[in-house]
Amino acid sequence: MACGAACCLLPALGLGLLLLAVAPAGGQSADLPAARDLTGKLLVAAPSMPDPRFAETVIYMVRHSADGAFGVIINRRVGELALDDLLEGFGLPRRQAERKMPVHAGGPVEPKLGFVLHSTDYTDEASIVVDRDFALTVAPKALDALAGEAGPARHLLVLGYSGWGPGQLEGELARDDWIVTPAPPALVFDEDLAAKWQRARALEEVAL
């Protein structure tokens, strides 16, 4: 992995503040119709996606409101690191947790920030609970819980995120850059990344 073991990651407080800024609690804002709220859905890049950074990507949408949108790519693995090395990179004590953790690129925005998308059998004060199946927690908290065998059963570590300003995502949807699908946990946490984009496209819903 190009960034090295420590990954130059920021402390948990900074990540928590970022989450509050880009993913306001309460989901959609009052002026975004519920039918167009993509929170908890997948954005699947259309074959005609013009932005090479998002070619054949699948994005889990953590928040979507009239103020913007926030999600993480779930099918771009960039390497793996020992869990202890990740903890040390966040300034936490090593826990003799030498097992390897796959690391994924969550998007082009703030690539040194870390998040864990995971099942809801684990949450804490640093978590955003999206729905009954998914939550997102700042990486230091979730990784420390995993090292202590108290973390979520299903999890995906990402660096960076994908973000849109007000109206930006809606414009991309109008250009048919994205396909909107449900987000079954079996697909989101599937380790067969090579097939994830095609499998997600097969779930296509009626275009919004």
N, C-alpha and C. Protein backbone atom coordinates (compact mmCIF):
# COMPACT_ATOMS: atom_id res chain seq x y z
N MET A 1 0.85 -1.20 0.00
CA MET A 1 0.00 0.00 0.00
C MET A 1 0.88 1.24 0.00
N ALA A 2 0.60 2.16 -0.90
CA ALA A 2 1.52 3.25 -1.14
C ALA A 2 1.70 4.18 0.04
N CYS A 3 0.68 4.33 0.90
CA CYS A 3 0.78 5.33 1.96
C CYS A 3 1.60 4.84 3.14
N GLY A 4 2.00 3.58 3.17
CA GLY A 4 2.80 3.08 4.27
C GLY A 4 1.96 2.63 5.43
N ALA A 5 2.60 2.03 6.42
CA ALA A 5 1.86 1.39 7.51
C ALA A 5 1.04 2.37 8.31
N ALA A 6 1.59 3.54 8.57
CA ALA A 6 0.86 4.48 9.42
C ALA A 6 -0.23 5.22 8.67
N CYS A 7 -0.12 5.33 7.36
CA CYS A 7 -1.11 5.94 6.48
C CYS A 7 -1.34 7.43 6.73
N CYS A 8 -0.56 8.05 7.61
CA CYS A 8 -0.71 9.49 7.89
C CYS A 8 -2.14 9.84 8.26
N LEU A 9 -2.82 8.97 9.01
CA LEU A 9 -4.23 9.17 9.29
C LEU A 9 -4.44 10.16 10.41
N LEU A 10 -5.59 10.83 10.38
CA LEU A 10 -5.90 11.84 11.36
C LEU A 10 -6.57 11.22 12.58
N PRO A 11 -6.53 11.90 13.72
CA PRO A 11 -7.12 11.34 14.92
C PRO A 11 -8.64 11.26 14.84
N ALA A 12 -9.22 10.50 15.77
CA ALA A 12 -10.65 10.23 15.73
C ALA A 12 -11.47 11.49 15.82
N LEU A 13 -11.04 12.48 16.58
CA LEU A 13 -11.81 13.70 16.74
C LEU A 13 -12.01 14.39 15.40
N GLY A 14 -10.93 14.49 14.64
CA GLY A 14 -11.05 15.15 13.34
C GLY A 14 -11.99 14.41 12.42
N LEU A 15 -11.97 13.06 12.45
CA LEU A 15 -12.87 12.29 11.62
C LEU A 15 -14.31 12.48 12.05
N GLY A 16 -14.52 12.54 13.36
CA GLY A 16 -15.87 12.73 13.86
C GLY A 16 -16.44 14.07 13.43
N LEU A 17 -15.62 15.10 13.45
CA LEU A 17 -16.07 16.40 13.01
C LEU A 17 -16.39 16.40 11.53
N LEU A 18 -15.59 15.65 10.76
CA LEU A 18 -15.86 15.55 9.33
C LEU A 18 -17.22 14.92 9.10
N LEU A 19 -17.51 13.82 9.81
CA LEU A 19 -18.79 13.15 9.64
C LEU A 19 -19.94 14.09 9.96
N LEU A 20 -19.79 14.87 10.99
CA LEU A 20 -20.85 15.80 11.34
C LEU A 20 -21.05 16.84 10.24
N ALA A 21 -19.96 17.22 9.58
CA ALA A 21 -20.04 18.24 8.55
C ALA A 21 -20.67 17.73 7.27
N VAL A 22 -20.29 16.51 6.85
CA VAL A 22 -20.74 16.04 5.54
C VAL A 22 -21.94 15.12 5.63
N ALA A 23 -22.27 14.63 6.82
CA ALA A 23 -23.38 13.70 6.95
C ALA A 23 -24.24 14.08 8.14
N PRO A 24 -24.98 15.18 8.05
CA PRO A 24 -25.74 15.67 9.18
C PRO A 24 -26.73 14.65 9.70
N ALA A 25 -26.85 14.56 11.02
CA ALA A 25 -27.77 13.61 11.63
C ALA A 25 -29.18 13.92 11.18
N GLY A 26 -29.98 12.86 11.09
CA GLY A 26 -31.37 13.05 10.74
C GLY A 26 -31.68 12.74 9.29
N GLY A 27 -30.68 12.34 8.48
CA GLY A 27 -30.93 11.92 7.11
C GLY A 27 -31.32 13.08 6.23
N GLN A 28 -32.38 12.86 5.42
CA GLN A 28 -32.76 13.86 4.43
C GLN A 28 -33.26 15.13 5.10
N SER A 29 -33.07 16.25 4.43
CA SER A 29 -33.61 17.50 4.93
C SER A 29 -35.05 17.64 4.44
N ALA A 30 -35.78 18.60 5.01
CA ALA A 30 -37.21 18.68 4.78
C ALA A 30 -37.57 18.93 3.32
N ASP A 31 -36.68 19.59 2.56
CA ASP A 31 -37.04 19.93 1.20
C ASP A 31 -36.55 18.93 0.16
N LEU A 32 -36.13 17.73 0.60
CA LEU A 32 -35.76 16.68 -0.34
C LEU A 32 -36.84 15.60 -0.28
N PRO A 33 -37.60 15.37 -1.36
CA PRO A 33 -38.66 14.37 -1.32
C PRO A 33 -38.12 13.00 -0.95
N ALA A 34 -38.88 12.27 -0.14
CA ALA A 34 -38.43 10.96 0.33
C ALA A 34 -38.13 10.02 -0.83
N ALA A 35 -38.90 10.14 -1.90
CA ALA A 35 -38.70 9.25 -3.04
C ALA A 35 -37.34 9.45 -3.70
N ARG A 36 -36.71 10.58 -3.47
CA ARG A 36 -35.42 10.85 -4.09
C ARG A 36 -34.26 10.75 -3.11
N ASP A 37 -34.53 10.36 -1.90
CA ASP A 37 -33.48 10.20 -0.89
C ASP A 37 -32.76 8.88 -1.14
N LEU A 38 -31.47 8.96 -1.46
CA LEU A 38 -30.71 7.75 -1.79
C LEU A 38 -29.94 7.20 -0.60
N THR A 39 -30.17 7.70 0.59
CA THR A 39 -29.52 7.17 1.78
C THR A 39 -29.79 5.66 1.88
N GLY A 40 -28.73 4.89 2.08
CA GLY A 40 -28.87 3.44 2.20
C GLY A 40 -28.94 2.69 0.89
N LYS A 41 -28.84 3.40 -0.23
CA LYS A 41 -28.85 2.77 -1.55
C LYS A 41 -27.43 2.61 -2.08
N LEU A 42 -27.31 1.92 -3.21
CA LEU A 42 -26.05 1.86 -3.93
C LEU A 42 -26.12 2.75 -5.17
N LEU A 43 -25.05 3.48 -5.40
CA LEU A 43 -24.84 4.14 -6.68
C LEU A 43 -23.87 3.28 -7.47
N VAL A 44 -24.30 2.85 -8.63
CA VAL A 44 -23.48 1.98 -9.48
C VAL A 44 -23.12 2.77 -10.73
N ALA A 45 -21.84 2.91 -10.99
CA ALA A 45 -21.42 3.69 -12.16
C ALA A 45 -21.95 3.06 -13.43
N ALA A 46 -22.58 3.88 -14.26
CA ALA A 46 -23.06 3.41 -15.55
C ALA A 46 -21.86 3.12 -16.46
N PRO A 47 -22.03 2.23 -17.43
CA PRO A 47 -20.92 1.98 -18.37
C PRO A 47 -20.43 3.25 -19.06
N SER A 48 -21.30 4.24 -19.17
CA SER A 48 -20.94 5.50 -19.83
C SER A 48 -20.37 6.54 -18.88
N MET A 49 -20.08 6.17 -17.63
CA MET A 49 -19.55 7.11 -16.65
C MET A 49 -18.38 7.91 -17.23
N PRO A 50 -18.49 9.26 -17.30
CA PRO A 50 -17.43 10.05 -17.94
C PRO A 50 -16.22 10.31 -17.06
N ASP A 51 -16.35 10.13 -15.75
CA ASP A 51 -15.25 10.44 -14.83
C ASP A 51 -14.46 9.16 -14.56
N PRO A 52 -13.21 9.07 -15.03
CA PRO A 52 -12.44 7.83 -14.86
C PRO A 52 -12.21 7.47 -13.41
N ARG A 53 -12.29 8.42 -12.48
CA ARG A 53 -12.11 8.10 -11.07
C ARG A 53 -13.22 7.20 -10.54
N PHE A 54 -14.35 7.20 -11.23
CA PHE A 54 -15.50 6.43 -10.76
C PHE A 54 -15.90 5.31 -11.72
N ALA A 55 -15.07 5.03 -12.72
CA ALA A 55 -15.39 3.97 -13.67
C ALA A 55 -15.56 2.63 -12.94
N GLU A 56 -16.68 1.98 -13.18
CA GLU A 56 -17.01 0.66 -12.62
C GLU A 56 -16.97 0.63 -11.09
N THR A 57 -17.34 1.75 -10.48
CA THR A 57 -17.40 1.77 -9.02
C THR A 57 -18.80 1.49 -8.53
N VAL A 58 -18.85 1.03 -7.27
CA VAL A 58 -20.11 0.85 -6.55
C VAL A 58 -19.97 1.64 -5.25
N ILE A 59 -20.90 2.55 -5.00
CA ILE A 59 -20.82 3.44 -3.84
C ILE A 59 -22.00 3.19 -2.92
N TYR A 60 -21.71 2.94 -1.64
CA TYR A 60 -22.76 2.86 -0.64
C TYR A 60 -23.05 4.27 -0.13
N MET A 61 -24.32 4.69 -0.19
CA MET A 61 -24.71 6.05 0.18
C MET A 61 -25.04 6.13 1.66
N VAL A 62 -24.21 6.85 2.40
CA VAL A 62 -24.38 7.00 3.84
C VAL A 62 -25.39 8.11 4.15
N ARG A 63 -25.36 9.19 3.41
CA ARG A 63 -26.28 10.30 3.61
C ARG A 63 -26.60 10.96 2.27
N HIS A 64 -27.84 11.42 2.14
CA HIS A 64 -28.24 12.19 0.97
C HIS A 64 -29.31 13.17 1.42
N SER A 65 -29.10 14.44 1.19
CA SER A 65 -30.07 15.47 1.55
C SER A 65 -29.98 16.60 0.55
N ALA A 66 -30.83 17.59 0.72
CA ALA A 66 -30.76 18.76 -0.15
C ALA A 66 -29.45 19.51 0.03
N ASP A 67 -28.74 19.25 1.13
CA ASP A 67 -27.46 19.92 1.39
C ASP A 67 -26.28 19.22 0.73
N GLY A 68 -26.50 18.03 0.15
CA GLY A 68 -25.42 17.29 -0.49
C GLY A 68 -25.51 15.81 -0.20
N ALA A 69 -24.47 15.08 -0.55
CA ALA A 69 -24.49 13.63 -0.39
C ALA A 69 -23.09 13.13 -0.03
N PHE A 70 -23.07 11.97 0.61
CA PHE A 70 -21.84 11.39 1.14
C PHE A 70 -21.93 9.87 1.04
N GLY A 71 -20.91 9.26 0.45
CA GLY A 71 -20.88 7.80 0.34
C GLY A 71 -19.46 7.29 0.25
N VAL A 72 -19.32 5.97 0.24
CA VAL A 72 -17.99 5.36 0.15
C VAL A 72 -18.00 4.26 -0.92
N ILE A 73 -16.94 4.25 -1.73
CA ILE A 73 -16.78 3.20 -2.73
C ILE A 73 -16.49 1.88 -2.01
N ILE A 74 -17.13 0.80 -2.46
CA ILE A 74 -17.00 -0.49 -1.77
C ILE A 74 -16.35 -1.57 -2.63
N ASN A 75 -15.81 -1.21 -3.78
CA ASN A 75 -15.22 -2.24 -4.63
C ASN A 75 -13.85 -1.85 -5.19
N ARG A 76 -13.08 -1.08 -4.40
CA ARG A 76 -11.72 -0.73 -4.83
C ARG A 76 -10.73 -1.00 -3.71
N ARG A 77 -10.24 -2.18 -3.67
CA ARG A 77 -9.23 -2.54 -2.68
C ARG A 77 -7.87 -2.02 -3.12
N VAL A 78 -7.15 -1.40 -2.18
CA VAL A 78 -5.85 -0.82 -2.51
C VAL A 78 -4.70 -1.50 -1.77
N GLY A 79 -5.00 -2.47 -0.92
CA GLY A 79 -3.95 -3.17 -0.20
C GLY A 79 -4.48 -3.75 1.09
N GLU A 80 -3.56 -4.11 1.97
CA GLU A 80 -3.94 -4.60 3.29
C GLU A 80 -2.83 -4.27 4.28
N LEU A 81 -3.22 -4.12 5.53
CA LEU A 81 -2.29 -3.81 6.60
C LEU A 81 -2.64 -4.64 7.83
N ALA A 82 -1.64 -4.92 8.65
CA ALA A 82 -1.91 -5.57 9.93
C ALA A 82 -2.77 -4.63 10.78
N LEU A 83 -3.71 -5.21 11.51
CA LEU A 83 -4.59 -4.40 12.35
C LEU A 83 -3.79 -3.56 13.35
N ASP A 84 -2.73 -4.12 13.91
CA ASP A 84 -1.89 -3.36 14.84
C ASP A 84 -1.25 -2.15 14.17
N ASP A 85 -0.85 -2.30 12.91
CA ASP A 85 -0.25 -1.17 12.20
C ASP A 85 -1.28 -0.06 11.98
N LEU A 86 -2.52 -0.47 11.70
CA LEU A 86 -3.58 0.52 11.53
C LEU A 86 -3.85 1.26 12.84
N LEU A 87 -3.90 0.50 13.95
CA LEU A 87 -4.12 1.15 15.24
C LEU A 87 -3.01 2.15 15.54
N GLU A 88 -1.78 1.75 15.29
CA GLU A 88 -0.65 2.64 15.53
C GLU A 88 -0.74 3.89 14.65
N GLY A 89 -1.20 3.70 13.42
CA GLY A 89 -1.35 4.84 12.51
C GLY A 89 -2.36 5.86 13.01
N PHE A 90 -3.32 5.41 13.78
CA PHE A 90 -4.31 6.33 14.36
C PHE A 90 -3.90 6.82 15.74
N GLY A 91 -2.69 6.48 16.17
CA GLY A 91 -2.22 6.94 17.48
C GLY A 91 -2.76 6.13 18.63
N LEU A 92 -3.24 4.89 18.36
CA LEU A 92 -3.76 4.03 19.41
C LEU A 92 -2.74 2.96 19.77
N PRO A 93 -2.81 2.38 20.97
CA PRO A 93 -1.86 1.34 21.36
C PRO A 93 -2.03 0.09 20.49
N ARG A 94 -0.93 -0.57 20.22
CA ARG A 94 -0.97 -1.86 19.54
C ARG A 94 -1.62 -2.88 20.46
N ARG A 95 -2.35 -3.85 19.85
CA ARG A 95 -3.11 -4.80 20.67
C ARG A 95 -2.73 -6.25 20.37
N GLN A 96 -1.54 -6.47 19.82
CA GLN A 96 -1.13 -7.80 19.41
C GLN A 96 -2.13 -8.40 18.41
N ALA A 97 -2.67 -7.55 17.58
CA ALA A 97 -3.63 -7.97 16.57
C ALA A 97 -2.94 -7.95 15.22
N GLU A 98 -2.33 -9.05 14.86
CA GLU A 98 -1.50 -9.09 13.66
C GLU A 98 -2.26 -9.49 12.40
N ARG A 99 -3.54 -9.85 12.54
CA ARG A 99 -4.27 -10.25 11.34
C ARG A 99 -4.37 -9.09 10.37
N LYS A 100 -4.42 -9.43 9.10
CA LYS A 100 -4.43 -8.43 8.05
C LYS A 100 -5.85 -7.89 7.83
N MET A 101 -5.92 -6.60 7.55
CA MET A 101 -7.18 -5.94 7.23
C MET A 101 -7.13 -5.41 5.81
N PRO A 102 -8.04 -5.84 4.92
CA PRO A 102 -8.09 -5.21 3.60
C PRO A 102 -8.41 -3.73 3.73
N VAL A 103 -7.81 -2.93 2.88
CA VAL A 103 -8.03 -1.48 2.87
C VAL A 103 -8.56 -1.09 1.50
N HIS A 104 -9.63 -0.29 1.50
CA HIS A 104 -10.27 0.10 0.26
C HIS A 104 -10.22 1.62 0.08
N ALA A 105 -10.23 2.07 -1.15
CA ALA A 105 -10.31 3.49 -1.46
C ALA A 105 -11.78 3.88 -1.48
N GLY A 106 -12.20 4.71 -0.51
CA GLY A 106 -13.60 5.08 -0.41
C GLY A 106 -14.01 6.20 -1.35
N GLY A 107 -13.03 6.90 -1.90
CA GLY A 107 -13.34 7.99 -2.82
C GLY A 107 -12.20 8.98 -2.87
N PRO A 108 -12.30 9.95 -3.77
CA PRO A 108 -11.19 10.88 -4.00
C PRO A 108 -11.09 12.02 -2.98
N VAL A 109 -12.09 12.17 -2.10
CA VAL A 109 -12.08 13.27 -1.15
C VAL A 109 -11.42 12.83 0.16
N GLU A 110 -10.47 13.62 0.65
CA GLU A 110 -9.77 13.36 1.92
C GLU A 110 -9.29 11.91 2.04
N PRO A 111 -8.41 11.45 1.15
CA PRO A 111 -8.01 10.04 1.13
C PRO A 111 -7.21 9.59 2.35
N LYS A 112 -6.84 10.51 3.24
CA LYS A 112 -6.13 10.11 4.45
C LYS A 112 -7.08 9.90 5.64
N LEU A 113 -8.37 10.11 5.41
CA LEU A 113 -9.35 9.88 6.47
C LEU A 113 -9.88 8.46 6.38
N GLY A 114 -10.11 7.84 7.53
CA GLY A 114 -10.54 6.45 7.56
C GLY A 114 -11.91 6.25 8.17
N PHE A 115 -12.67 5.33 7.57
CA PHE A 115 -14.00 4.98 8.05
C PHE A 115 -14.17 3.47 7.95
N VAL A 116 -15.05 2.92 8.77
CA VAL A 116 -15.42 1.51 8.65
C VAL A 116 -16.93 1.45 8.42
N LEU A 117 -17.32 0.89 7.28
CA LEU A 117 -18.72 0.59 7.00
C LEU A 117 -18.97 -0.81 7.55
N HIS A 118 -20.02 -0.98 8.33
CA HIS A 118 -20.16 -2.27 9.03
C HIS A 118 -21.60 -2.60 9.37
N SER A 119 -21.79 -3.83 9.82
CA SER A 119 -23.09 -4.29 10.29
C SER A 119 -23.42 -3.63 11.63
N THR A 120 -24.70 -3.62 11.97
CA THR A 120 -25.15 -2.86 13.14
C THR A 120 -25.12 -3.66 14.44
N ASP A 121 -24.46 -4.81 14.44
CA ASP A 121 -24.27 -5.52 15.70
C ASP A 121 -23.26 -4.80 16.59
N TYR A 122 -22.58 -3.78 16.03
CA TYR A 122 -21.70 -2.92 16.81
C TYR A 122 -21.97 -1.48 16.40
N THR A 123 -22.20 -0.61 17.38
CA THR A 123 -22.22 0.84 17.16
C THR A 123 -21.75 1.51 18.44
N ASP A 124 -21.30 2.75 18.32
CA ASP A 124 -20.98 3.55 19.50
C ASP A 124 -21.24 5.01 19.19
N GLU A 125 -20.75 5.90 20.06
CA GLU A 125 -21.04 7.32 19.89
C GLU A 125 -20.39 7.91 18.64
N ALA A 126 -19.43 7.20 18.05
CA ALA A 126 -18.77 7.67 16.84
C ALA A 126 -19.40 7.09 15.57
N SER A 127 -20.57 6.45 15.71
CA SER A 127 -21.21 5.78 14.58
C SER A 127 -22.36 6.59 14.01
N ILE A 128 -22.55 6.48 12.71
CA ILE A 128 -23.78 6.91 12.05
C ILE A 128 -24.53 5.63 11.68
N VAL A 129 -25.69 5.42 12.25
CA VAL A 129 -26.53 4.27 11.90
C VAL A 129 -27.39 4.67 10.71
N VAL A 130 -27.19 3.99 9.58
CA VAL A 130 -27.90 4.34 8.36
C VAL A 130 -29.27 3.68 8.34
N ASP A 131 -29.30 2.38 8.61
CA ASP A 131 -30.55 1.61 8.66
C ASP A 131 -30.29 0.37 9.49
N ARG A 132 -31.16 -0.61 9.42
CA ARG A 132 -31.02 -1.78 10.28
C ARG A 132 -29.82 -2.65 9.91
N ASP A 133 -29.29 -2.47 8.70
CA ASP A 133 -28.20 -3.32 8.22
C ASP A 133 -26.83 -2.66 8.24
N PHE A 134 -26.77 -1.32 8.20
CA PHE A 134 -25.49 -0.65 8.00
C PHE A 134 -25.28 0.51 8.96
N ALA A 135 -24.04 0.65 9.37
CA ALA A 135 -23.60 1.82 10.13
C ALA A 135 -22.21 2.19 9.62
N LEU A 136 -21.81 3.43 9.88
CA LEU A 136 -20.47 3.90 9.52
C LEU A 136 -19.85 4.50 10.77
N THR A 137 -18.63 4.06 11.08
CA THR A 137 -17.94 4.52 12.28
C THR A 137 -16.56 5.02 11.90
N VAL A 138 -16.11 6.09 12.56
CA VAL A 138 -14.75 6.56 12.31
C VAL A 138 -13.79 5.41 12.61
N ALA A 139 -12.76 5.30 11.80
CA ALA A 139 -11.91 4.11 11.81
C ALA A 139 -11.26 3.79 13.16
N PRO A 140 -10.70 4.77 13.88
CA PRO A 140 -10.02 4.39 15.13
C PRO A 140 -10.91 3.64 16.10
N LYS A 141 -12.15 4.11 16.27
CA LYS A 141 -13.07 3.47 17.20
C LYS A 141 -13.40 2.04 16.77
N ALA A 142 -13.76 1.86 15.51
CA ALA A 142 -14.16 0.55 15.02
C ALA A 142 -12.99 -0.42 15.01
N LEU A 143 -11.80 0.04 14.60
CA LEU A 143 -10.65 -0.86 14.55
C LEU A 143 -10.22 -1.28 15.95
N ASP A 144 -10.30 -0.37 16.91
CA ASP A 144 -9.96 -0.72 18.29
C ASP A 144 -10.93 -1.78 18.82
N ALA A 145 -12.21 -1.64 18.47
CA ALA A 145 -13.19 -2.64 18.88
C ALA A 145 -12.92 -3.98 18.22
N LEU A 146 -12.54 -3.96 16.95
CA LEU A 146 -12.22 -5.21 16.25
C LEU A 146 -11.00 -5.89 16.86
N ALA A 147 -10.02 -5.11 17.24
CA ALA A 147 -8.82 -5.68 17.86
C ALA A 147 -9.15 -6.31 19.19
N GLY A 148 -10.15 -5.79 19.88
CA GLY A 148 -10.57 -6.34 21.16
C GLY A 148 -11.65 -7.39 21.03
N GLU A 149 -11.90 -7.87 19.81
CA GLU A 149 -12.90 -8.90 19.53
C GLU A 149 -14.31 -8.44 19.91
N ALA A 150 -14.55 -7.13 19.90
CA ALA A 150 -15.87 -6.61 20.24
C ALA A 150 -16.49 -5.85 19.08
N GLY A 151 -15.87 -5.91 17.93
CA GLY A 151 -16.33 -5.13 16.79
C GLY A 151 -17.41 -5.83 16.00
N PRO A 152 -17.80 -5.23 14.87
CA PRO A 152 -18.88 -5.78 14.05
C PRO A 152 -18.46 -7.06 13.34
N ALA A 153 -19.45 -7.92 13.08
CA ALA A 153 -19.17 -9.18 12.39
C ALA A 153 -18.78 -8.93 10.93
N ARG A 154 -19.41 -7.94 10.30
CA ARG A 154 -19.11 -7.62 8.91
C ARG A 154 -18.60 -6.19 8.86
N HIS A 155 -17.55 -5.98 8.11
CA HIS A 155 -16.95 -4.65 8.09
C HIS A 155 -16.10 -4.45 6.86
N LEU A 156 -15.95 -3.18 6.48
CA LEU A 156 -15.16 -2.81 5.31
C LEU A 156 -14.47 -1.49 5.63
N LEU A 157 -13.14 -1.50 5.66
CA LEU A 157 -12.34 -0.32 5.98
C LEU A 157 -12.07 0.46 4.70
N VAL A 158 -12.37 1.77 4.73
CA VAL A 158 -12.13 2.61 3.56
C VAL A 158 -11.34 3.85 3.97
N LEU A 159 -10.53 4.33 3.05
CA LEU A 159 -9.82 5.60 3.19
C LEU A 159 -10.40 6.57 2.18
N GLY A 160 -10.81 7.74 2.66
CA GLY A 160 -11.42 8.72 1.80
C GLY A 160 -12.91 8.47 1.61
N TYR A 161 -13.55 9.41 0.92
CA TYR A 161 -14.98 9.27 0.68
C TYR A 161 -15.35 9.96 -0.62
N SER A 162 -16.59 9.77 -1.02
CA SER A 162 -17.13 10.39 -2.22
C SER A 162 -18.21 11.38 -1.78
N GLY A 163 -18.09 12.64 -2.17
CA GLY A 163 -19.01 13.67 -1.71
C GLY A 163 -19.53 14.52 -2.85
N TRP A 164 -20.75 15.03 -2.67
CA TRP A 164 -21.40 15.89 -3.65
C TRP A 164 -21.99 17.10 -2.95
N GLY A 165 -21.89 18.27 -3.56
CA GLY A 165 -22.53 19.47 -3.04
C GLY A 165 -24.00 19.50 -3.39
N PRO A 166 -24.72 20.51 -2.93
CA PRO A 166 -26.15 20.61 -3.22
C PRO A 166 -26.45 20.55 -4.71
N GLY A 167 -27.31 19.62 -5.10
CA GLY A 167 -27.73 19.50 -6.49
C GLY A 167 -26.76 18.79 -7.41
N GLN A 168 -25.53 18.55 -6.97
CA GLN A 168 -24.52 17.96 -7.85
C GLN A 168 -24.85 16.53 -8.23
N LEU A 169 -25.21 15.72 -7.25
CA LEU A 169 -25.54 14.32 -7.54
C LEU A 169 -26.79 14.23 -8.41
N GLU A 170 -27.75 15.10 -8.15
CA GLU A 170 -28.97 15.09 -8.95
C GLU A 170 -28.65 15.37 -10.42
N GLY A 171 -27.70 16.26 -10.67
CA GLY A 171 -27.29 16.52 -12.05
C GLY A 171 -26.65 15.31 -12.70
N GLU A 172 -25.83 14.59 -11.94
CA GLU A 172 -25.19 13.38 -12.48
C GLU A 172 -26.23 12.29 -12.75
N LEU A 173 -27.23 12.19 -11.89
CA LEU A 173 -28.30 11.21 -12.11
C LEU A 173 -29.10 11.57 -13.35
N ALA A 174 -29.33 12.85 -13.56
CA ALA A 174 -30.08 13.29 -14.74
C ALA A 174 -29.32 12.97 -16.03
N ARG A 175 -27.99 12.93 -15.96
CA ARG A 175 -27.16 12.58 -17.13
C ARG A 175 -27.00 11.06 -17.27
N ASP A 176 -27.62 10.31 -16.38
CA ASP A 176 -27.52 8.84 -16.40
C ASP A 176 -26.10 8.36 -16.15
N ASP A 177 -25.36 9.09 -15.32
CA ASP A 177 -24.02 8.64 -14.95
C ASP A 177 -24.07 7.49 -13.94
N TRP A 178 -25.18 7.38 -13.20
CA TRP A 178 -25.30 6.39 -12.14
C TRP A 178 -26.57 5.57 -12.29
N ILE A 179 -26.50 4.34 -11.82
CA ILE A 179 -27.64 3.46 -11.67
C ILE A 179 -27.90 3.33 -10.17
N VAL A 180 -29.14 3.42 -9.75
CA VAL A 180 -29.49 3.32 -8.33
C VAL A 180 -30.06 1.93 -8.06
N THR A 181 -29.53 1.26 -7.04
CA THR A 181 -29.99 -0.09 -6.70
C THR A 181 -30.14 -0.22 -5.18
N PRO A 182 -30.82 -1.28 -4.75
CA PRO A 182 -30.80 -1.60 -3.32
C PRO A 182 -29.38 -1.95 -2.88
N ALA A 183 -29.20 -2.12 -1.56
CA ALA A 183 -27.87 -2.43 -1.01
C ALA A 183 -27.94 -3.67 -0.13
N PRO A 184 -28.03 -4.85 -0.73
CA PRO A 184 -28.06 -6.06 0.09
C PRO A 184 -26.72 -6.27 0.80
N PRO A 185 -26.73 -6.56 2.10
CA PRO A 185 -25.47 -6.73 2.82
C PRO A 185 -24.56 -7.79 2.20
N ALA A 186 -25.14 -8.87 1.66
CA ALA A 186 -24.32 -9.92 1.07
C ALA A 186 -23.47 -9.40 -0.07
N LEU A 187 -23.98 -8.42 -0.81
CA LEU A 187 -23.21 -7.82 -1.90
C LEU A 187 -22.24 -6.78 -1.36
N VAL A 188 -22.70 -5.92 -0.47
CA VAL A 188 -21.85 -4.84 0.03
C VAL A 188 -20.58 -5.38 0.67
N PHE A 189 -20.71 -6.44 1.47
CA PHE A 189 -19.54 -6.96 2.19
C PHE A 189 -18.86 -8.12 1.47
N ASP A 190 -19.32 -8.45 0.28
CA ASP A 190 -18.71 -9.53 -0.49
C ASP A 190 -17.26 -9.19 -0.83
N GLU A 191 -16.37 -10.15 -0.65
CA GLU A 191 -14.95 -9.92 -0.94
C GLU A 191 -14.59 -10.17 -2.40
N ASP A 192 -15.54 -10.64 -3.20
CA ASP A 192 -15.29 -10.84 -4.63
C ASP A 192 -15.49 -9.51 -5.34
N LEU A 193 -14.47 -8.65 -5.26
CA LEU A 193 -14.60 -7.30 -5.78
C LEU A 193 -14.72 -7.28 -7.30
N ALA A 194 -14.10 -8.25 -7.97
CA ALA A 194 -14.11 -8.25 -9.43
C ALA A 194 -15.53 -8.38 -9.99
N ALA A 195 -16.39 -9.06 -9.25
CA ALA A 195 -17.76 -9.29 -9.74
C ALA A 195 -18.76 -8.31 -9.16
N LYS A 196 -18.36 -7.46 -8.21
CA LYS A 196 -19.32 -6.64 -7.47
C LYS A 196 -20.02 -5.63 -8.37
N TRP A 197 -19.31 -5.00 -9.28
CA TRP A 197 -19.93 -4.00 -10.16
C TRP A 197 -21.00 -4.65 -11.03
N GLN A 198 -20.70 -5.80 -11.64
CA GLN A 198 -21.68 -6.47 -12.49
C GLN A 198 -22.87 -6.95 -11.67
N ARG A 199 -22.62 -7.48 -10.49
CA ARG A 199 -23.72 -7.95 -9.66
C ARG A 199 -24.61 -6.80 -9.21
N ALA A 200 -24.00 -5.67 -8.90
CA ALA A 200 -24.79 -4.51 -8.50
C ALA A 200 -25.63 -3.99 -9.68
N ARG A 201 -25.08 -3.97 -10.85
CA ARG A 201 -25.85 -3.52 -12.02
C ARG A 201 -27.08 -4.40 -12.24
N ALA A 202 -27.01 -5.66 -11.89
CA ALA A 202 -28.13 -6.56 -12.07
C ALA A 202 -29.29 -6.24 -11.13
N LEU A 203 -29.03 -5.41 -10.11
CA LEU A 203 -30.06 -5.02 -9.14
C LEU A 203 -30.76 -3.73 -9.53
N GLU A 204 -30.53 -3.24 -10.73
CA GLU A 204 -31.00 -1.90 -11.12
C GLU A 204 -32.48 -1.70 -10.83
N GLU A 205 -32.77 -0.56 -10.21
CA GLU A 205 -34.16 -0.16 -9.97
C GLU A 205 -34.63 0.77 -11.08
N VAL A 206 -35.86 1.15 -11.01
CA VAL A 206 -36.36 2.17 -11.92
C VAL A 206 -35.58 3.46 -11.70
N ALA A 207 -35.09 4.08 -12.76
CA ALA A 207 -34.28 5.29 -12.64
C ALA A 207 -35.07 6.38 -11.91
N LEU A 208 -34.35 7.11 -11.02
CA LEU A 208 -34.99 8.21 -10.28
C LEU A 208 -34.92 9.49 -11.10
